[in-house]
Amino acid sequence: MKSISKELIGASSIPIILSILRNVDSYGYEIVQRVKEITNGGVTWKEASIYPVLKKLENDGYIKSYWKVIENERPRKYYTILSDGQKQLEQNINEWGMIQTVFESLLKTAK
């Protein structure tokens, strides 16, 4: 599979992360692995690159972090989506739907 441009990955990272967190609280490495799994390796994020996005989402009030300690494991910082994050995700879904409609329309007229 051809790699996806950095610009598209950047534009889609927030709705992807919020979508994952809508289903289950998660930590950075787990989010990276989930994206890799969902895309069959088509999208591979470096773990370090996700943390600035998570920090931005937290600063914007879309997610909240908390520490989780499981016996015999190191503590992990988990993230959970907040109600403003749910609203932002819905807005992102609507925006992506509009863009998809534009592409579908353009592709139909191109044939």
Protein backbone atom coordinates (compact mmCIF):
# COMPACT_ATOMS: atom_id res chain seq x y z
CA MET A 1 0.00 0.00 0.00
CA LYS A 2 1.33 3.44 -0.92
CA SER A 3 1.96 5.72 2.03
CA ILE A 4 -0.47 8.51 2.80
CA SER A 5 0.79 12.10 2.70
CA LYS A 6 1.83 13.77 5.93
CA GLU A 7 -0.73 16.52 5.27
CA LEU A 8 -3.63 14.07 5.09
CA ILE A 9 -2.40 12.19 8.15
CA GLY A 10 -2.13 15.48 10.03
CA ALA A 11 -5.61 16.60 8.99
CA SER A 12 -7.16 13.30 9.99
CA SER A 13 -5.30 12.63 13.25
CA ILE A 14 -7.74 14.46 15.54
CA PRO A 15 -10.93 12.75 14.28
CA ILE A 16 -9.13 9.39 14.25
CA ILE A 17 -7.96 9.76 17.86
CA LEU A 18 -11.35 11.02 19.03
CA SER A 19 -13.07 8.11 17.24
CA ILE A 20 -10.84 5.60 19.00
CA LEU A 21 -11.41 7.25 22.38
CA ARG A 22 -15.16 7.34 21.78
CA ASN A 23 -15.11 3.55 21.94
CA VAL A 24 -12.63 2.97 24.77
CA ASP A 25 -10.17 4.84 26.97
CA SER A 26 -6.66 4.26 25.70
CA TYR A 27 -3.00 5.28 26.01
CA GLY A 28 -0.67 6.62 23.32
CA TYR A 29 1.06 3.42 22.21
CA GLU A 30 -2.25 1.56 22.13
CA ILE A 31 -3.80 4.27 19.91
CA VAL A 32 -0.85 4.04 17.50
CA GLN A 33 -1.20 0.24 17.35
CA ARG A 34 -4.98 0.46 16.85
CA VAL A 35 -4.56 2.79 13.87
CA LYS A 36 -1.94 0.47 12.39
CA GLU A 37 -4.29 -2.50 12.91
CA ILE A 38 -7.38 -0.76 11.46
CA THR A 39 -5.45 0.30 8.33
CA ASN A 40 -3.60 -2.99 7.89
CA GLY A 41 -0.34 -1.10 8.29
CA GLY A 42 -1.31 1.58 5.77
CA VAL A 43 -1.06 4.29 8.41
CA THR A 44 1.85 4.03 10.79
CA TRP A 45 2.34 6.80 13.30
CA LYS A 46 5.49 7.14 15.29
CA GLU A 47 4.53 6.93 18.93
CA ALA A 48 6.27 10.20 19.76
CA SER A 49 4.25 12.07 17.12
CA ILE A 50 0.90 11.33 18.78
CA TYR A 51 1.68 12.99 22.12
CA PRO A 52 1.59 16.61 20.88
CA VAL A 53 -1.83 15.89 19.35
CA LEU A 54 -3.06 14.33 22.60
CA LYS A 55 -1.73 17.34 24.53
CA LYS A 56 -3.53 19.72 22.15
CA LEU A 57 -6.78 17.77 22.51
CA GLU A 58 -6.41 17.89 26.29
CA ASN A 59 -5.64 21.62 26.30
CA ASP A 60 -8.69 22.22 24.08
CA GLY A 61 -10.89 20.36 26.59
CA TYR A 62 -11.76 17.49 24.23
CA ILE A 63 -10.07 14.74 26.24
CA LYS A 64 -8.84 14.20 29.78
CA SER A 65 -5.88 12.12 30.92
CA TYR A 66 -5.49 9.97 34.01
CA TRP A 67 -2.92 7.53 35.29
CA LYS A 68 -3.78 3.86 35.49
CA VAL A 69 -1.67 1.44 37.48
CA ILE A 70 -1.99 -2.29 36.88
CA GLU A 71 -0.13 -4.65 39.18
CA ASN A 72 3.30 -5.69 37.86
CA GLU A 73 3.11 -3.14 35.02
CA ARG A 74 4.39 0.38 34.76
CA PRO A 75 1.86 3.20 35.15
CA ARG A 76 0.27 4.36 31.91
CA LYS A 77 -1.35 7.66 31.04
CA TYR A 78 -4.80 6.94 29.65
CA TYR A 79 -7.04 9.33 27.76
CA THR A 80 -10.82 9.57 27.80
CA ILE A 81 -13.07 11.65 25.56
CA LEU A 82 -15.13 14.45 27.12
CA SER A 83 -18.49 15.83 25.96
CA ASP A 84 -16.78 18.67 24.04
CA GLY A 85 -14.65 16.03 22.35
CA GLN A 86 -17.80 14.15 21.33
CA LYS A 87 -19.17 17.38 19.83
CA GLN A 88 -15.90 18.04 18.01
CA LEU A 89 -15.90 14.51 16.64
CA GLU A 90 -19.44 14.94 15.30
CA GLN A 91 -18.37 18.17 13.62
CA ASN A 92 -15.32 16.40 12.12
CA ILE A 93 -17.51 13.55 10.84
CA ASN A 94 -19.82 16.06 9.15
CA GLU A 95 -16.87 17.88 7.60
CA TRP A 96 -15.30 14.66 6.30
CA GLY A 97 -18.69 13.64 4.90
CA MET A 98 -18.89 16.91 3.00
CA ILE A 99 -15.39 16.43 1.58
CA GLN A 100 -16.27 12.85 0.60
CA THR A 101 -19.36 14.14 -1.21
CA VAL A 102 -17.24 16.67 -3.10
CA PHE A 103 -14.82 13.94 -4.21
CA GLU A 104 -17.64 11.60 -5.24
CA SER A 105 -19.21 14.37 -7.29
CA LEU A 106 -15.93 15.31 -8.94
CA LEU A 107 -15.10 11.70 -9.75
CA LYS A 108 -18.53 11.15 -11.37
CA THR A 109 -18.08 14.18 -13.63
CA ALA A 110 -14.53 13.13 -14.53
CA LYS A 111 -15.68 9.90 -16.18
